Amino acid sequence: MSPVPPVARLAETAPLARRLERIDLFGGLDERGIAAVLPAVRVRHYEAGQAIVGRLDSGREVYFVLSGKVRVAMFAESGREVAFRDLAAGSSFGEIAAIDGEPRSADVVALEDSLIGTMSAADFWAVLRREPAVTEATLKKLARLVRALSQRIYEFASPVPARICAELLRLAGLEGGGRGPGRIAPPPKHADIAAKVSTHREAVSRVLSELTRRGVLAKGRGEILVKDPAVLERYAQGVERLLD
């Protein structure tokens, strides 16, 4: 693996090791494993709104969100955003390009000031070959990603209100039949929900207003309360229509 780069030395080694322990791919590593990974990680700060990865870029690095939050999305030439998921500290991204050597499949933008670690594709492959725990975590993560994208494709065949209800269930952690009531905190911007379900902000506003009127949702202090997840699930599945 490559020696510790100067930028990584600026971040104290011990705090960086503790941050890496919280990364999803490295959860199965012991202290020795983290120490072996540490020299291969470079650290960079990104400001809110700054692009980290561009779709079709040729870079092959794997990225680790050490602090902050980023969004994985695609941007059309018109500027319209289709968001896939938001990643908080402890998440990773970029594994697909590192594994198959193909261009990036999506854009990644910092939603807030973020500290991002990077590892070259060569070093990532070395870790996969040496650390079965990282290999297993990577395979399981890619499997979850395929399932999530399959679900999103299925949802995009549904009416807009159903897609919005499905996204609310995801945000509340109630997808897949989770019991409620649930909460979404902080309340997402209507434009952010719209970007994730491929619609416009006005449609989201109408659906949220109707759900509140029907008592399915309620506004709390700094949160949205999902009072009746079962009804929200029926709207999301198209069993009942929310709006004509």
Protein backbone atom coordinates (compact mmCIF):
# COMPACT_ATOMS: atom_id res chain seq x y z
CA MET A 1 0.00 0.00 0.00
CA SER A 2 1.06 3.60 -0.54
CA PRO A 3 2.71 5.56 2.30
CA VAL A 4 0.68 7.96 4.41
CA PRO A 5 0.05 11.04 2.23
CA PRO A 6 0.82 14.50 3.71
CA VAL A 7 -2.86 15.47 3.78
CA ALA A 8 -3.65 12.40 5.90
CA ARG A 9 -0.91 13.30 8.37
CA LEU A 10 -2.71 16.59 9.01
CA ALA A 11 -5.58 14.59 10.47
CA GLU A 12 -4.40 13.01 13.70
CA THR A 13 -3.89 9.29 13.21
CA ALA A 14 -5.91 8.16 16.23
CA PRO A 15 -9.05 10.22 15.42
CA LEU A 16 -8.87 9.05 11.79
CA ALA A 17 -8.63 5.42 12.90
CA ARG A 18 -11.73 5.88 15.07
CA ARG A 19 -13.61 7.37 12.12
CA LEU A 20 -12.59 4.46 9.89
CA GLU A 21 -13.86 1.97 12.48
CA ARG A 22 -17.35 3.43 11.90
CA ILE A 23 -17.24 3.00 8.11
CA ASP A 24 -19.75 0.37 6.94
CA LEU A 25 -17.16 -1.71 5.05
CA PHE A 26 -14.72 -1.78 7.97
CA GLY A 27 -17.06 -2.73 10.80
CA GLY A 28 -15.63 -6.26 10.95
CA LEU A 29 -11.99 -5.18 11.25
CA ASP A 30 -10.11 -5.32 14.52
CA GLU A 31 -7.50 -2.78 15.62
CA ARG A 32 -4.83 -4.52 13.55
CA GLY A 33 -7.00 -4.43 10.45
CA ILE A 34 -7.77 -0.73 10.83
CA ALA A 35 -4.07 0.01 11.36
CA ALA A 36 -3.29 -1.81 8.10
CA VAL A 37 -5.92 0.16 6.18
CA LEU A 38 -4.99 3.55 7.61
CA PRO A 39 -1.88 4.30 5.47
CA ALA A 40 -3.87 3.90 2.25
CA VAL A 41 -6.49 6.52 3.15
CA ARG A 42 -6.21 10.13 2.02
CA VAL A 43 -8.44 12.77 3.59
CA ARG A 44 -10.01 15.81 1.98
CA HIS A 45 -12.54 18.41 3.09
CA TYR A 46 -15.49 19.29 0.84
CA GLU A 47 -17.73 22.30 1.34
CA ALA A 48 -21.51 22.07 1.11
CA GLY A 49 -22.57 22.04 -2.53
CA GLN A 50 -19.17 20.94 -3.82
CA ALA A 51 -19.04 18.09 -6.31
CA ILE A 52 -17.10 15.03 -5.14
CA VAL A 53 -17.68 12.64 -8.05
CA GLY A 54 -19.10 13.27 -11.49
CA ARG A 55 -21.10 10.76 -13.49
CA LEU A 56 -18.95 9.14 -16.19
CA ASP A 57 -15.74 10.35 -14.52
CA SER A 58 -12.81 7.98 -15.01
CA GLY A 59 -11.72 7.98 -11.34
CA ARG A 60 -11.58 4.61 -9.56
CA GLU A 61 -11.15 5.59 -5.90
CA VAL A 62 -13.40 4.36 -3.11
CA TYR A 63 -14.74 7.08 -0.82
CA PHE A 64 -15.55 7.06 2.91
CA VAL A 65 -17.80 9.66 4.55
CA LEU A 66 -15.88 10.45 7.75
CA SER A 67 -18.15 13.36 8.70
CA GLY A 68 -20.96 15.32 7.08
CA LYS A 69 -23.44 14.12 4.48
CA VAL A 70 -23.40 13.60 0.70
CA ARG A 71 -26.01 12.88 -1.96
CA VAL A 72 -25.79 10.32 -4.76
CA ALA A 73 -27.77 11.60 -7.76
CA MET A 74 -27.87 12.18 -11.49
CA PHE A 75 -28.23 15.58 -13.13
CA ALA A 76 -29.83 15.95 -16.55
CA GLU A 77 -28.55 18.52 -19.05
CA SER A 78 -31.57 20.61 -18.11
CA GLY A 79 -30.28 20.69 -14.53
CA ARG A 80 -33.04 18.47 -13.17
CA GLU A 81 -31.87 16.28 -10.32
CA VAL A 82 -32.82 12.64 -9.77
CA ALA A 83 -31.56 11.71 -6.29
CA PHE A 84 -30.88 8.10 -5.30
CA ARG A 85 -29.81 8.27 -1.68
CA ASP A 86 -28.18 10.47 0.96
CA LEU A 87 -25.14 9.09 2.79
CA ALA A 88 -24.16 10.15 6.29
CA ALA A 89 -20.93 9.62 8.24
CA GLY A 90 -20.00 5.94 8.30
CA SER A 91 -21.04 5.33 4.69
CA SER A 92 -18.91 4.53 1.66
CA PHE A 93 -19.37 4.93 -2.08
CA GLY A 94 -17.47 4.38 -5.32
CA GLU A 95 -16.99 0.64 -4.88
CA ILE A 96 -18.56 -0.23 -8.24
CA ALA A 97 -16.07 1.75 -10.34
CA ALA A 98 -13.19 0.42 -8.24
CA ILE A 99 -14.33 -3.15 -8.84
CA ASP A 100 -15.26 -3.14 -12.52
CA GLY A 101 -12.99 -0.34 -13.80
CA GLU A 102 -15.85 1.39 -15.62
CA PRO A 103 -16.75 5.11 -15.41
CA ARG A 104 -18.74 6.46 -12.46
CA SER A 105 -22.45 5.62 -12.54
CA ALA A 106 -23.72 8.72 -10.68
CA ASP A 107 -22.85 12.16 -9.36
CA VAL A 108 -22.01 12.67 -5.69
CA VAL A 109 -22.32 16.11 -4.08
CA ALA A 110 -21.65 17.24 -0.52
CA LEU A 111 -24.90 18.28 1.17
CA GLU A 112 -22.99 19.83 4.06
CA ASP A 113 -19.36 20.43 4.94
CA SER A 114 -17.88 16.93 4.86
CA LEU A 115 -14.63 15.14 5.59
CA ILE A 116 -14.09 12.43 2.98
CA GLY A 117 -11.49 9.67 2.95
CA THR A 118 -10.37 8.08 -0.32
CA MET A 119 -8.57 4.85 -1.20
CA SER A 120 -7.19 3.88 -4.60
CA ALA A 121 -8.76 0.99 -6.46
CA ALA A 122 -5.51 -0.96 -6.19
CA ASP A 123 -5.39 -0.54 -2.41
CA PHE A 124 -9.09 -1.41 -2.12
CA TRP A 125 -8.53 -4.65 -4.07
CA ALA A 126 -5.62 -5.43 -1.77
CA VAL A 127 -7.88 -5.02 1.26
CA LEU A 128 -10.57 -7.22 -0.32
CA ARG A 129 -8.03 -9.98 -0.94
CA ARG A 130 -6.55 -9.73 2.56
CA GLU A 131 -9.60 -9.08 4.73
CA PRO A 132 -12.56 -11.49 4.34
CA ALA A 133 -14.68 -9.30 6.62
CA VAL A 134 -14.37 -6.36 4.20
CA THR A 135 -15.11 -8.60 1.22
CA GLU A 136 -18.25 -9.93 2.92
CA ALA A 137 -19.41 -6.42 3.88
CA THR A 138 -18.85 -5.21 0.31
CA LEU A 139 -20.80 -8.10 -1.23
CA LYS A 140 -23.71 -7.59 1.17
CA LYS A 141 -23.73 -3.86 0.48
CA LEU A 142 -23.81 -4.37 -3.30
CA ALA A 143 -26.65 -6.87 -2.87
CA ARG A 144 -28.63 -4.33 -0.82
CA LEU A 145 -27.97 -1.70 -3.48
CA VAL A 146 -29.33 -3.97 -6.24
CA ARG A 147 -32.45 -4.67 -4.18
CA ALA A 148 -32.96 -0.97 -3.44
CA LEU A 149 -32.58 0.02 -7.09
CA SER A 150 -34.97 -2.77 -8.15
CA GLN A 151 -37.52 -1.40 -5.68
CA ARG A 152 -37.06 2.13 -7.01
CA ILE A 153 -37.62 0.93 -10.60
CA TYR A 154 -40.81 -0.79 -9.47
CA GLU A 155 -41.98 2.36 -7.71
CA PHE A 156 -41.34 4.55 -10.75
CA ALA A 157 -44.09 2.62 -12.53
CA SER A 158 -46.49 3.80 -9.81
CA PRO A 159 -48.42 7.10 -9.70
CA VAL A 160 -46.61 10.07 -8.17
CA PRO A 161 -48.60 10.06 -4.86
CA ALA A 162 -47.68 6.39 -4.33
CA ARG A 163 -43.99 7.15 -4.96
CA ILE A 164 -44.08 9.98 -2.45
CA CYS A 165 -45.70 7.77 0.18
CA ALA A 166 -43.06 5.09 -0.40
CA GLU A 167 -40.30 7.66 0.09
CA LEU A 168 -41.91 8.86 3.34
CA LEU A 169 -41.92 5.28 4.62
CA ARG A 170 -38.21 5.00 3.76
CA LEU A 171 -37.37 8.25 5.49
CA ALA A 172 -39.24 7.11 8.60
CA GLY A 173 -37.49 3.73 8.55
CA LEU A 174 -40.85 1.95 8.10
CA GLU A 175 -40.32 0.40 4.67
CA GLY A 176 -40.82 -3.33 4.45
CA GLY A 177 -43.71 -3.43 6.90
CA GLY A 178 -42.07 -1.75 9.87
CA ARG A 179 -44.35 -0.96 12.77
CA GLY A 180 -45.17 2.62 13.71
CA PRO A 181 -45.79 5.26 14.50
CA GLY A 182 -42.64 6.72 13.01
CA ARG A 183 -40.89 10.04 12.74
CA ILE A 184 -38.88 11.89 10.11
CA ALA A 185 -36.38 14.30 11.61
CA PRO A 186 -35.41 16.79 10.50
CA PRO A 187 -38.28 17.34 8.05
CA PRO A 188 -36.96 16.99 4.48
CA LYS A 189 -37.36 19.78 1.97
CA HIS A 190 -40.16 19.16 -0.48
CA ALA A 191 -37.69 19.66 -3.33
CA ASP A 192 -35.47 16.88 -1.92
CA ILE A 193 -38.37 14.42 -1.83
CA ALA A 194 -39.32 15.46 -5.36
CA ALA A 195 -35.78 14.75 -6.59
CA LYS A 196 -35.88 11.25 -5.14
CA VAL A 197 -39.20 10.27 -6.74
CA SER A 198 -38.80 12.13 -10.05
CA THR A 199 -41.54 14.71 -9.67
CA HIS A 200 -41.84 18.40 -8.77
CA ARG A 201 -42.02 20.21 -5.43
CA GLU A 202 -45.64 21.25 -5.89
CA ALA A 203 -46.77 17.62 -6.16
CA VAL A 204 -44.99 16.78 -2.91
CA SER A 205 -46.62 19.73 -1.17
CA ARG A 206 -50.08 18.60 -2.29
CA VAL A 207 -49.54 15.02 -1.13
CA LEU A 208 -48.13 16.01 2.26
CA SER A 209 -51.01 18.43 2.81
CA GLU A 210 -53.56 15.72 1.97
CA LEU A 211 -51.84 13.17 4.22
CA THR A 212 -51.89 15.70 7.06
CA ARG A 213 -55.56 16.49 6.44
CA ARG A 214 -56.39 12.78 6.63
CA GLY A 215 -54.46 12.36 9.86
CA VAL A 216 -51.83 10.04 8.41
CA LEU A 217 -49.09 12.61 9.07
CA ALA A 218 -48.71 15.34 11.67
CA LYS A 219 -46.19 18.14 12.02
CA GLY A 220 -44.12 18.03 15.17
CA ARG A 221 -41.41 20.33 16.45
CA GLY A 222 -38.60 19.80 14.00
CA GLU A 223 -40.08 16.54 12.69
CA ILE A 224 -42.88 14.89 10.73
CA LEU A 225 -44.84 12.24 12.62
CA VAL A 226 -46.13 9.22 10.70
CA LYS A 227 -49.24 8.51 12.77
CA ASP A 228 -50.70 5.73 10.64
CA PRO A 229 -47.98 3.76 8.78
CA ALA A 230 -50.46 1.06 7.71
CA VAL A 231 -52.53 3.56 5.72
CA LEU A 232 -49.37 5.14 4.28
CA GLU A 233 -48.24 1.66 3.18
CA ARG A 234 -51.56 1.06 1.42
CA TYR A 235 -51.18 4.33 -0.47
CA ALA A 236 -47.59 3.43 -1.39
CA GLN A 237 -48.63 -0.01 -2.67
CA GLY A 238 -51.53 1.41 -4.65
CA VAL A 239 -54.09 -0.55 -2.63
CA GLU A 240 -55.85 2.76 -1.94
CA ARG A 241 -55.63 5.93 -4.00
CA LEU A 242 -54.63 9.11 -2.27
CA LEU A 243 -55.35 11.65 -5.01
CA ASP A 244 -57.29 11.32 -8.22
